């Protein structure tokens, strides 16, 4: 009996680990993550059922890959940009090149392996046909490298001989790439054709409020009550106990319901594309700003948010910059405007604050990050 209970516990832990990884990385390949793919395949039936019934997602599991096909996020959800290895978000031109590269890999004659030079030639040909300028200079080459690195990170492309980075440094450094061809047709969540309308591709499903609420909670740091429909708020009120248990059991998330909204947080801080709190000038400045605003603004100002006038935000950031000028990035030391822009963007990504014409509106749950003595958070 003890052995059976232990096995059940291990299976539950394995399913949770697999579901968490898939939420974070919807594409898993045998080439890059053989052990994780093996775990997903072991629990494929249960995982498919959970994702379909709880979130309305489709999980595709094959011998060489797993692909979690998500639905479009709510309009209020923060944007999750693709990023270069150094953390810089991809620009619009790199997104265009990513789409062109995916299309080029589907061109007639492209096999399971392709020379990088051949792939690039096809991308350039397709770009020219669509009126997209793509020269051979180092700037355009680096944009193309950023797009190619995304496909390498996803496991769609494998660097068999040579690397994409080396080609980016010098175009004479060719590389042999392996193509995960069975995965290629599953990159897009919707098939695209000449008559496909963008609004259709990005439309949020109008399925039952139960799934919609659960999607909000697993994909967004916080769901504000004002963003929830009446039916979603009804589900929250009626199913709070079940919702709390299921989010914990399936995804390892802890549910916290407040007056201003609902928070489903990961106590391990792993189920996020951005670490916060964390190291680096920007995250340190953001954390310290939140602490100062919570301390300086009157607690009775509002029940669900604190409004910090922009002059106060700039004053605090200037003070923090002066105190940390030796350790923070020179860009931020030289320009409080640049620091404020990036700090506000980070707070917005975590749904901790919103920009208003008259100031920064700090949501009540941001106070959980207020620094305290003896604690980094």
Foldseek 3Di string as FASTA:
>chain_A
DVVVVVVVVVLLVLLQVLLLVCLQQQKDFCVVCVPSLVSCVVCVVVNQVCCCVQAVWGWDRDPTMIGIQHAFADPLAFDDFDAAPVRHGQDPVLVVLLVLLLVLCVDPPNDQKDKPVVSVVSSCVVCVVVVHDADPDLVSLVSNLRSVVVCVVSVQKDFPAFDSVVCSVPVVGMTMIGGPVVCSVVPQSDDDDPPDDPCVRNPGDPDQLSNNLSNCALRAQWDFPVNRDPRVVVCCVVCVPVSQVCCCSNHNWGWDQDPGTIGTDHPVQPSDPDGPPDDAQLSVLLLALLQVQVVPFDPVPDDWKTFDFPVRSLVSLQVVCVVQVPPHDVVCNVDVPVSVVSSLSVCSNNVQWDDDPGGIIGTPVSCVSRDDPPDND
